[in-house]
Amino acid sequence: MQEQTRPKNQTNDNVTKDSPDDMSNATEVPRGLQLQNELQSISSHIKKLESALALPEVNEDGSSECHFAESLYAKKEELEEHVTHDLEKLKRYAKVLDNEIKRCRRNLAQIQADGGNLNLKETSEHYSYATDAQQQQLQSAIEDKDAVSVVLSKAQAVLNVSRTRKYPGKKPQERPFPTPPFGTPGSTCIRTSTGEPGSELAGLISLGPLGKP
């Protein structure tokens, strides 16, 4: 019995279709170069927070040899909130990309299984094109997920340290810095080593160029 050739513009009925929810979620995640640009921006936020973790000593009553210690802690809290928001966004991106990877793998397996049972050259070529396209989608999703995972891990590590460094007794308020500015001769505000958990943070975390881990 002669096999019927499937029209080229007709997809395999067994290939997973995108539900409206899947398509909506996918459009919320930037891909490729757009994603890389956003990850670079998030990485800069993480680096700023990491730099802000070298804070002066503050006593339980809020007193400190650094006259603008409260402002430094307030700035750290502001950066921490920003990176916390970035972290939640990265977690959402990672979940959507993980679902995309699973979808591509299911489709690829189905296309390859169906294509292996075909004999007509034209139909086999159609399935070969579909396989190549699905493989490209899969590879793109994997690369994007890996890039997101790298930045997500960095954000989580820096936040874990930042959340251990709290101004005692109240939410700190940022105030105008007095003179002389920080770091000038005669200044009494000398930032301490990060100390405690994560003191090796600067060596452990490198916010270098993004890409494949």
C-alpha atoms as a PDB file:
ATOM      1  CA  MET A   1       0.000   0.000   0.000  1.00  0.00           C
ATOM      2  CA  GLN A   2       1.489   3.315  -1.084  1.00  0.00           C
ATOM      3  CA  GLU A   3       2.248   5.760   1.690  1.00  0.00           C
ATOM      4  CA  GLN A   4       0.535   9.152   1.531  1.00  0.00           C
ATOM      5  CA  THR A   5       2.897  12.111   1.453  1.00  0.00           C
ATOM      6  CA  ARG A   6       2.268  14.674   4.171  1.00  0.00           C
ATOM      7  CA  PRO A   7       2.037  18.247   2.833  1.00  0.00           C
ATOM      8  CA  LYS A   8       5.099  20.283   3.685  1.00  0.00           C
ATOM      9  CA  ASN A   9       3.178  22.915   5.619  1.00  0.00           C
ATOM     10  CA  GLN A  10       1.458  20.339   7.811  1.00  0.00           C
ATOM     11  CA  THR A  11       3.042  19.553  11.159  1.00  0.00           C
ATOM     12  CA  ASN A  12       3.101  16.246  12.944  1.00  0.00           C
ATOM     13  CA  ASP A  13      -0.137  15.894  14.905  1.00  0.00           C
ATOM     14  CA  ASN A  14       1.811  14.284  17.755  1.00  0.00           C
ATOM     15  CA  VAL A  15       4.214  17.189  18.178  1.00  0.00           C
ATOM     16  CA  THR A  16       3.443  19.173  21.308  1.00  0.00           C
ATOM     17  CA  LYS A  17       1.501  22.329  20.565  1.00  0.00           C
ATOM     18  CA  ASP A  18       2.101  25.490  22.592  1.00  0.00           C
ATOM     19  CA  SER A  19      -0.817  26.231  24.885  1.00  0.00           C
ATOM     20  CA  PRO A  20      -1.869  29.886  25.249  1.00  0.00           C
ATOM     21  CA  ASP A  21      -0.266  29.934  28.707  1.00  0.00           C
ATOM     22  CA  ASP A  22       3.007  28.500  27.375  1.00  0.00           C
ATOM     23  CA  MET A  23       3.132  31.075  24.604  1.00  0.00           C
ATOM     24  CA  SER A  24       2.399  33.895  27.050  1.00  0.00           C
ATOM     25  CA  ASN A  25       5.164  32.766  29.392  1.00  0.00           C
ATOM     26  CA  ALA A  26       7.634  32.363  26.544  1.00  0.00           C
ATOM     27  CA  THR A  27       7.090  35.928  25.358  1.00  0.00           C
ATOM     28  CA  GLU A  28       7.953  37.191  28.850  1.00  0.00           C
ATOM     29  CA  VAL A  29      11.483  35.790  28.608  1.00  0.00           C
ATOM     30  CA  PRO A  30      13.992  37.634  26.415  1.00  0.00           C
ATOM     31  CA  ARG A  31      16.085  35.359  24.262  1.00  0.00           C
ATOM     32  CA  GLY A  32      19.498  35.406  22.624  1.00  0.00           C
ATOM     33  CA  LEU A  33      21.231  38.794  22.503  1.00  0.00           C
ATOM     34  CA  GLN A  34      18.370  40.518  24.294  1.00  0.00           C
ATOM     35  CA  LEU A  35      18.713  38.080  27.182  1.00  0.00           C
ATOM     36  CA  GLN A  36      22.493  38.529  27.277  1.00  0.00           C
ATOM     37  CA  ASN A  37      22.060  42.306  27.529  1.00  0.00           C
ATOM     38  CA  GLU A  38      19.629  41.919  30.415  1.00  0.00           C
ATOM     39  CA  LEU A  39      21.936  39.490  32.196  1.00  0.00           C
ATOM     40  CA  GLN A  40      24.784  41.986  31.848  1.00  0.00           C
ATOM     41  CA  SER A  41      22.602  44.631  33.475  1.00  0.00           C
ATOM     42  CA  ILE A  42      21.629  42.303  36.330  1.00  0.00           C
ATOM     43  CA  SER A  43      25.283  41.351  36.797  1.00  0.00           C
ATOM     44  CA  SER A  44      26.153  45.017  37.267  1.00  0.00           C
ATOM     45  CA  HIS A  45      23.518  45.228  40.029  1.00  0.00           C
ATOM     46  CA  ILE A  46      25.050  42.178  41.718  1.00  0.00           C
ATOM     47  CA  LYS A  47      28.537  43.660  41.503  1.00  0.00           C
ATOM     48  CA  LYS A  48      27.360  46.931  43.098  1.00  0.00           C
ATOM     49  CA  LEU A  49      25.784  45.013  45.975  1.00  0.00           C
ATOM     50  CA  GLU A  50      28.920  42.923  46.415  1.00  0.00           C
ATOM     51  CA  SER A  51      31.002  46.105  46.627  1.00  0.00           C
ATOM     52  CA  ALA A  52      28.617  47.546  49.227  1.00  0.00           C
ATOM     53  CA  LEU A  53      29.101  44.617  51.604  1.00  0.00           C
ATOM     54  CA  ALA A  54      32.297  46.059  53.112  1.00  0.00           C
ATOM     55  CA  LEU A  55      30.516  47.932  55.903  1.00  0.00           C
ATOM     56  CA  PRO A  56      31.745  49.732  59.052  1.00  0.00           C
ATOM     57  CA  GLU A  57      31.205  48.269  62.489  1.00  0.00           C
ATOM     58  CA  VAL A  58      28.011  49.470  64.192  1.00  0.00           C
ATOM     59  CA  ASN A  59      27.201  48.905  67.869  1.00  0.00           C
ATOM     60  CA  GLU A  60      23.855  47.579  69.071  1.00  0.00           C
ATOM     61  CA  ASP A  61      22.748  51.102  69.971  1.00  0.00           C
ATOM     62  CA  GLY A  62      23.495  52.300  66.430  1.00  0.00           C
ATOM     63  CA  SER A  63      26.681  54.174  67.318  1.00  0.00           C
ATOM     64  CA  SER A  64      29.739  53.850  65.105  1.00  0.00           C
ATOM     65  CA  GLU A  65      33.099  55.490  64.556  1.00  0.00           C
ATOM     66  CA  CYS A  66      31.864  56.065  61.016  1.00  0.00           C
ATOM     67  CA  HIS A  67      29.573  59.095  61.085  1.00  0.00           C
ATOM     68  CA  PHE A  68      27.718  58.006  57.951  1.00  0.00           C
ATOM     69  CA  ALA A  69      27.522  54.278  58.680  1.00  0.00           C
ATOM     70  CA  GLU A  70      23.720  54.397  58.563  1.00  0.00           C
ATOM     71  CA  SER A  71      23.808  55.789  55.022  1.00  0.00           C
ATOM     72  CA  LEU A  72      26.139  52.998  53.912  1.00  0.00           C
ATOM     73  CA  TYR A  73      23.795  50.383  55.351  1.00  0.00           C
ATOM     74  CA  ALA A  74      20.799  52.123  53.762  1.00  0.00           C
ATOM     75  CA  LYS A  75      22.484  52.029  50.364  1.00  0.00           C
ATOM     76  CA  LYS A  76      23.263  48.348  50.863  1.00  0.00           C
ATOM     77  CA  GLU A  77      19.606  47.665  51.687  1.00  0.00           C
ATOM     78  CA  GLU A  78      18.501  49.499  48.546  1.00  0.00           C
ATOM     79  CA  LEU A  79      20.855  47.462  46.377  1.00  0.00           C
ATOM     80  CA  GLU A  80      19.770  44.265  48.142  1.00  0.00           C
ATOM     81  CA  GLU A  81      16.119  44.932  47.303  1.00  0.00           C
ATOM     82  CA  HIS A  82      17.049  45.509  43.670  1.00  0.00           C
ATOM     83  CA  VAL A  83      18.997  42.253  43.399  1.00  0.00           C
ATOM     84  CA  THR A  84      16.212  40.388  45.220  1.00  0.00           C
ATOM     85  CA  HIS A  85      13.810  41.555  42.509  1.00  0.00           C
ATOM     86  CA  ASP A  86      16.341  40.473  39.856  1.00  0.00           C
ATOM     87  CA  LEU A  87      16.646  37.059  41.489  1.00  0.00           C
ATOM     88  CA  GLU A  88      12.899  36.441  41.327  1.00  0.00           C
ATOM     89  CA  LYS A  89      12.927  37.432  37.674  1.00  0.00           C
ATOM     90  CA  LEU A  90      15.806  35.030  36.962  1.00  0.00           C
ATOM     91  CA  LYS A  91      13.989  32.188  38.696  1.00  0.00           C
ATOM     92  CA  ARG A  92      10.976  32.803  36.466  1.00  0.00           C
ATOM     93  CA  TYR A  93      13.170  32.890  33.369  1.00  0.00           C
ATOM     94  CA  ALA A  94      14.851  29.638  34.386  1.00  0.00           C
ATOM     95  CA  LYS A  95      11.499  27.898  34.902  1.00  0.00           C
ATOM     96  CA  VAL A  96      10.134  29.001  31.522  1.00  0.00           C
ATOM     97  CA  LEU A  97      13.343  28.002  29.728  1.00  0.00           C
ATOM     98  CA  ASP A  98      13.372  24.646  31.487  1.00  0.00           C
ATOM     99  CA  ASN A  99       9.842  23.996  30.224  1.00  0.00           C
ATOM    100  CA  GLU A 100      10.931  25.035  26.741  1.00  0.00           C
ATOM    101  CA  ILE A 101      13.825  22.568  26.846  1.00  0.00           C
ATOM    102  CA  LYS A 102      11.477  19.756  27.895  1.00  0.00           C
ATOM    103  CA  ARG A 103       9.018  20.667  25.138  1.00  0.00           C
ATOM    104  CA  CYS A 104      11.737  20.676  22.480  1.00  0.00           C
ATOM    105  CA  ARG A 105      13.064  17.310  23.628  1.00  0.00           C
ATOM    106  CA  ARG A 106       9.595  15.746  23.545  1.00  0.00           C
ATOM    107  CA  ASN A 107       8.975  17.100  20.071  1.00  0.00           C
ATOM    108  CA  LEU A 108      12.381  16.008  18.833  1.00  0.00           C
ATOM    109  CA  ALA A 109      11.848  12.486  20.109  1.00  0.00           C
ATOM    110  CA  GLN A 110       8.412  12.324  18.447  1.00  0.00           C
ATOM    111  CA  ILE A 111       9.673  13.686  15.115  1.00  0.00           C
ATOM    112  CA  GLN A 112      12.582  11.265  15.060  1.00  0.00           C
ATOM    113  CA  ALA A 113      10.325   8.334  15.932  1.00  0.00           C
ATOM    114  CA  ASP A 114       7.859   9.200  13.173  1.00  0.00           C
ATOM    115  CA  GLY A 115      10.572   9.969  10.661  1.00  0.00           C
ATOM    116  CA  GLY A 116      12.228   6.616  11.197  1.00  0.00           C
ATOM    117  CA  ASN A 117       9.140   4.874   9.839  1.00  0.00           C
ATOM    118  CA  LEU A 118       9.055   6.801   6.562  1.00  0.00           C
ATOM    119  CA  ASN A 119      10.247   5.605   3.173  1.00  0.00           C
ATOM    120  CA  LEU A 120       9.264   8.291   0.678  1.00  0.00           C
ATOM    121  CA  LYS A 121      12.191  10.641   0.040  1.00  0.00           C
ATOM    122  CA  GLU A 122      10.133  13.838  -0.006  1.00  0.00           C
ATOM    123  CA  THR A 123       8.413  13.035   3.282  1.00  0.00           C
ATOM    124  CA  SER A 124      11.679  11.944   4.888  1.00  0.00           C
ATOM    125  CA  GLU A 125      13.294  15.227   3.886  1.00  0.00           C
ATOM    126  CA  HIS A 126      10.406  17.131   5.453  1.00  0.00           C
ATOM    127  CA  TYR A 127      10.977  15.329   8.739  1.00  0.00           C
ATOM    128  CA  SER A 128      14.721  15.988   8.450  1.00  0.00           C
ATOM    129  CA  TYR A 129      14.037  19.724   8.201  1.00  0.00           C
ATOM    130  CA  ALA A 130      11.700  19.527  11.195  1.00  0.00           C
ATOM    131  CA  THR A 131      14.362  17.672  13.187  1.00  0.00           C
ATOM    132  CA  ASP A 132      17.016  20.300  12.407  1.00  0.00           C
ATOM    133  CA  ALA A 133      14.680  23.130  13.363  1.00  0.00           C
ATOM    134  CA  GLN A 134      13.761  21.480  16.647  1.00  0.00           C
ATOM    135  CA  GLN A 135      17.413  20.799  17.460  1.00  0.00           C
ATOM    136  CA  GLN A 136      18.237  24.466  16.897  1.00  0.00           C
ATOM    137  CA  GLN A 137      15.410  25.528  19.207  1.00  0.00           C
ATOM    138  CA  LEU A 138      16.598  23.066  21.829  1.00  0.00           C
ATOM    139  CA  GLN A 139      20.217  24.232  21.674  1.00  0.00           C
ATOM    140  CA  SER A 140      19.159  27.875  21.906  1.00  0.00           C
ATOM    141  CA  ALA A 141      16.999  27.171  24.961  1.00  0.00           C
ATOM    142  CA  ILE A 142      19.814  25.229  26.656  1.00  0.00           C
ATOM    143  CA  GLU A 143      22.333  28.029  26.078  1.00  0.00           C
ATOM    144  CA  ASP A 144      19.930  30.664  27.413  1.00  0.00           C
ATOM    145  CA  LYS A 145      19.062  28.529  30.455  1.00  0.00           C
ATOM    146  CA  ASP A 146      22.760  27.994  31.227  1.00  0.00           C
ATOM    147  CA  ALA A 147      23.454  31.743  31.016  1.00  0.00           C
ATOM    148  CA  VAL A 148      20.525  32.492  33.336  1.00  0.00           C
ATOM    149  CA  SER A 149      21.673  29.821  35.804  1.00  0.00           C
ATOM    150  CA  VAL A 150      25.157  31.339  36.078  1.00  0.00           C
ATOM    151  CA  VAL A 151      23.839  34.806  36.983  1.00  0.00           C
ATOM    152  CA  LEU A 152      21.106  33.370  39.203  1.00  0.00           C
ATOM    153  CA  SER A 153      23.723  31.500  41.269  1.00  0.00           C
ATOM    154  CA  LYS A 154      25.813  34.652  41.642  1.00  0.00           C
ATOM    155  CA  ALA A 155      22.804  36.697  42.731  1.00  0.00           C
ATOM    156  CA  GLN A 156      21.796  34.099  45.324  1.00  0.00           C
ATOM    157  CA  ALA A 157      25.339  33.862  46.735  1.00  0.00           C
ATOM    158  CA  VAL A 158      25.723  37.631  47.150  1.00  0.00           C
ATOM    159  CA  LEU A 159      22.243  37.971  48.667  1.00  0.00           C
ATOM    160  CA  ASN A 160      22.978  35.210  51.172  1.00  0.00           C
ATOM    161  CA  VAL A 161      25.882  37.276  52.497  1.00  0.00           C
ATOM    162  CA  SER A 162      24.090  40.621  52.263  1.00  0.00           C
ATOM    163  CA  ARG A 163      21.166  39.379  54.341  1.00  0.00           C
ATOM    164  CA  THR A 164      23.506  38.637  57.269  1.00  0.00           C
ATOM    165  CA  ARG A 165      24.586  42.300  57.449  1.00  0.00           C
ATOM    166  CA  LYS A 166      21.812  44.326  59.057  1.00  0.00           C
ATOM    167  CA  TYR A 167      21.815  47.732  60.699  1.00  0.00           C
ATOM    168  CA  PRO A 168      20.875  47.176  64.362  1.00  0.00           C
ATOM    169  CA  GLY A 169      17.457  48.106  65.656  1.00  0.00           C
ATOM    170  CA  LYS A 170      15.813  49.796  62.700  1.00  0.00           C
ATOM    171  CA  LYS A 171      15.678  50.246  58.953  1.00  0.00           C
ATOM    172  CA  PRO A 172      18.614  52.499  58.072  1.00  0.00           C
ATOM    173  CA  GLN A 173      17.995  55.828  56.356  1.00  0.00           C
ATOM    174  CA  GLU A 174      20.336  57.299  53.788  1.00  0.00           C
ATOM    175  CA  ARG A 175      21.665  60.713  54.787  1.00  0.00           C
ATOM    176  CA  PRO A 176      23.992  63.210  53.086  1.00  0.00           C
ATOM    177  CA  PHE A 177      27.631  62.251  53.502  1.00  0.00           C
ATOM    178  CA  PRO A 178      29.635  64.634  55.698  1.00  0.00           C
ATOM    179  CA  THR A 179      33.069  65.921  54.753  1.00  0.00           C
ATOM    180  CA  PRO A 180      35.752  64.757  54.415  1.00  0.00           C
ATOM    181  CA  PRO A 181      34.444  62.105  51.975  1.00  0.00           C
ATOM    182  CA  PHE A 182      35.094  58.437  52.493  1.00  0.00           C
ATOM    183  CA  GLY A 183      38.652  57.337  51.840  1.00  0.00           C
ATOM    184  CA  THR A 184      40.327  60.736  52.245  1.00  0.00           C
ATOM    185  CA  PRO A 185      43.115  61.303  54.818  1.00  0.00           C
ATOM    186  CA  GLY A 186      41.696  61.961  58.261  1.00  0.00           C
ATOM    187  CA  SER A 187      38.416  60.179  57.643  1.00  0.00           C
ATOM    188  CA  THR A 188      37.299  58.101  60.637  1.00  0.00           C
ATOM    189  CA  CYS A 189      35.057  55.896  58.505  1.00  0.00           C
ATOM    190  CA  ILE A 190      37.178  52.915  57.522  1.00  0.00           C
ATOM    191  CA  ARG A 191      35.196  50.059  56.076  1.00  0.00           C
ATOM    192  CA  THR A 192      35.879  46.744  57.687  1.00  0.00           C
ATOM    193  CA  SER A 193      36.532  43.444  55.979  1.00  0.00           C
ATOM    194  CA  THR A 194      33.309  41.650  55.153  1.00  0.00           C
ATOM    195  CA  GLY A 195      34.261  38.994  57.731  1.00  0.00           C
ATOM    196  CA  GLU A 196      31.779  36.394  59.000  1.00  0.00           C
ATOM    197  CA  PRO A 197      30.057  34.138  56.445  1.00  0.00           C
ATOM    198  CA  GLY A 198      31.141  34.866  52.923  1.00  0.00           C
ATOM    199  CA  SER A 199      34.313  36.830  53.726  1.00  0.00           C
ATOM    200  CA  GLU A 200      35.896  35.116  50.757  1.00  0.00           C
ATOM    201  CA  LEU A 201      33.089  36.431  48.539  1.00  0.00           C
ATOM    202  CA  ALA A 202      35.298  38.632  46.370  1.00  0.00           C
ATOM    203  CA  GLY A 203      37.492  35.673  45.480  1.00  0.00           C
ATOM    204  CA  LEU A 204      34.656  33.196  45.207  1.00  0.00           C
ATOM    205  CA  ILE A 205      32.403  35.203  42.911  1.00  0.00           C
ATOM    206  CA  SER A 206      33.661  36.677  39.672  1.00  0.00           C
ATOM    207  CA  LEU A 207      31.271  38.722  37.594  1.00  0.00           C
ATOM    208  CA  GLY A 208      33.169  38.147  34.386  1.00  0.00           C
ATOM    209  CA  PRO A 209      31.906  37.932  30.824  1.00  0.00           C
ATOM    210  CA  LEU A 210      28.660  36.061  30.421  1.00  0.00           C
ATOM    211  CA  GLY A 211      28.160  33.064  28.230  1.00  0.00           C
ATOM    212  CA  LYS A 212      28.315  29.369  28.578  1.00  0.00           C
ATOM    213  CA  PRO A 213      29.529  28.260  32.037  1.00  0.00           C
END
